[in-house]
Amino acid sequence: MLEKVMKRKRRQVRVRSTISGTATKPRLAVFRSNTSIYAQMIDDTAAKTLCASSDMKISTGTKQECATKVGEELAKKALALGITTCVFDRGGFLYAGRVKKLAEGARSGGLQF
């Protein structure tokens, strides 16, 4: 593996050891690739994904605009399930750029974390 990926995995394991999601307060997990961004609400106690969203269907806008839309869409799905609070898991990525825009979009959509 590349050194960059190994460092991210190490950060991910370190953060994941302290964070876990429940049914009432799930974990909002983020994955950022070079082209897309994915987010999902996970209940770690039952090992289930409650809802998910990605920018695969969004075709217009910059990557950061798409990340904001993904956050808003995920918040809308979560609120439909009755979820208002969550724990943010940045997945070893820096809290900047698209990850930050996704978090801001989720907050503007009504999620609290």
Protein backbone atom coordinates (compact mmCIF):
# COMPACT_ATOMS: atom_id res chain seq x y z
CA MET A 1 0.00 0.00 0.00
CA LEU A 2 1.00 3.56 -0.48
CA GLU A 3 2.32 5.35 2.57
CA LYS A 4 -0.42 7.98 2.24
CA VAL A 5 -3.16 5.34 2.37
CA MET A 6 -1.51 3.54 5.29
CA LYS A 7 -1.38 6.78 7.30
CA ARG A 8 -5.07 7.42 6.61
CA LYS A 9 -5.94 3.87 7.69
CA ARG A 10 -3.96 4.36 10.90
CA ARG A 11 -5.87 7.58 11.66
CA GLN A 12 -9.13 5.83 10.80
CA VAL A 13 -8.49 2.98 13.26
CA ARG A 14 -7.45 5.40 15.99
CA VAL A 15 -10.61 7.51 15.59
CA ARG A 16 -12.89 4.48 15.19
CA SER A 17 -11.68 3.06 18.53
CA THR A 18 -13.28 5.99 20.35
CA ILE A 19 -16.40 6.54 18.19
CA SER A 20 -19.34 4.19 17.76
CA GLY A 21 -22.90 4.73 16.62
CA THR A 22 -26.15 3.52 18.11
CA ALA A 23 -29.66 3.38 16.70
CA THR A 24 -30.59 6.70 18.32
CA LYS A 25 -27.24 8.40 17.63
CA PRO A 26 -25.64 6.72 14.58
CA ARG A 27 -22.20 7.30 13.14
CA LEU A 28 -22.02 9.48 10.02
CA ALA A 29 -19.17 7.85 8.11
CA VAL A 30 -17.54 9.67 5.20
CA PHE A 31 -15.44 8.25 2.36
CA ARG A 32 -13.79 10.55 -0.14
CA SER A 33 -12.33 9.27 -3.39
CA ASN A 34 -10.63 11.33 -6.09
CA THR A 35 -13.88 11.72 -8.02
CA SER A 36 -16.74 11.15 -5.56
CA ILE A 37 -17.80 11.43 -1.94
CA TYR A 38 -19.95 8.95 -0.02
CA ALA A 39 -21.65 9.23 3.36
CA GLN A 40 -23.71 6.80 5.40
CA MET A 41 -25.40 6.63 8.79
CA ILE A 42 -24.32 3.45 10.59
CA ASP A 43 -25.70 1.74 13.68
CA ASP A 44 -22.61 -0.06 15.02
CA THR A 45 -24.47 -2.02 17.69
CA ALA A 46 -26.62 -3.78 15.06
CA ALA A 47 -23.98 -3.46 12.29
CA LYS A 48 -26.52 -1.90 9.92
CA THR A 49 -26.47 1.01 7.52
CA LEU A 50 -29.52 3.14 8.22
CA CYS A 51 -29.26 5.45 5.19
CA ALA A 52 -26.65 6.44 2.66
CA SER A 53 -25.97 9.07 0.03
CA SER A 54 -23.34 9.79 -2.59
CA ASP A 55 -22.68 12.22 -5.40
CA MET A 56 -22.88 9.55 -8.10
CA LYS A 57 -26.32 10.84 -9.21
CA ILE A 58 -25.41 14.54 -8.95
CA SER A 59 -24.03 15.69 -12.28
CA THR A 60 -23.80 19.46 -11.94
CA GLY A 61 -21.56 21.65 -9.82
CA THR A 62 -18.06 21.46 -8.44
CA LYS A 63 -16.90 18.69 -6.12
CA GLN A 64 -17.43 20.89 -3.06
CA GLU A 65 -20.95 21.86 -4.17
CA CYS A 66 -21.75 18.18 -4.70
CA ALA A 67 -20.43 17.37 -1.22
CA THR A 68 -22.76 19.97 0.28
CA LYS A 69 -25.70 18.47 -1.63
CA VAL A 70 -24.78 14.99 -0.39
CA GLY A 71 -24.79 16.24 3.22
CA GLU A 72 -28.18 17.88 2.77
CA GLU A 73 -29.63 14.78 1.10
CA LEU A 74 -28.32 12.52 3.87
CA ALA A 75 -29.78 14.84 6.52
CA LYS A 76 -33.16 14.71 4.77
CA LYS A 77 -33.09 10.89 4.74
CA ALA A 78 -32.01 10.75 8.40
CA LEU A 79 -34.74 13.15 9.51
CA ALA A 80 -37.29 10.98 7.67
CA LEU A 81 -36.09 8.06 9.84
CA GLY A 82 -36.41 10.19 12.99
CA ILE A 83 -32.67 10.71 13.49
CA THR A 84 -31.69 14.22 14.59
CA THR A 85 -28.25 13.69 16.18
CA CYS A 86 -25.24 11.70 15.04
CA VAL A 87 -21.51 11.23 15.60
CA PHE A 88 -19.29 12.49 12.77
CA ASP A 89 -16.62 10.05 11.53
CA ARG A 90 -14.32 11.68 9.01
CA GLY A 91 -12.74 8.32 8.18
CA GLY A 92 -9.13 9.44 8.58
CA PHE A 93 -9.55 12.29 6.10
CA LEU A 94 -8.68 15.85 7.09
CA TYR A 95 -11.62 17.98 8.18
CA ALA A 96 -11.20 20.37 5.27
CA GLY A 97 -12.45 20.78 1.73
CA ARG A 98 -15.14 18.31 0.65
CA VAL A 99 -15.36 16.58 4.05
CA LYS A 100 -16.03 19.92 5.73
CA LYS A 101 -18.59 20.90 3.07
CA LEU A 102 -20.43 17.60 3.57
CA ALA A 103 -20.56 18.21 7.33
CA GLU A 104 -21.82 21.76 6.82
CA GLY A 105 -24.47 20.48 4.40
CA ALA A 106 -25.64 17.89 6.93
CA ARG A 107 -25.82 20.55 9.63
CA SER A 108 -27.79 22.90 7.38
CA GLY A 109 -30.12 19.99 6.59
CA GLY A 110 -30.97 19.64 10.28
CA LEU A 111 -28.53 17.11 11.75
CA GLN A 112 -26.72 17.93 14.97
CA PHE A 113 -23.19 16.79 15.79
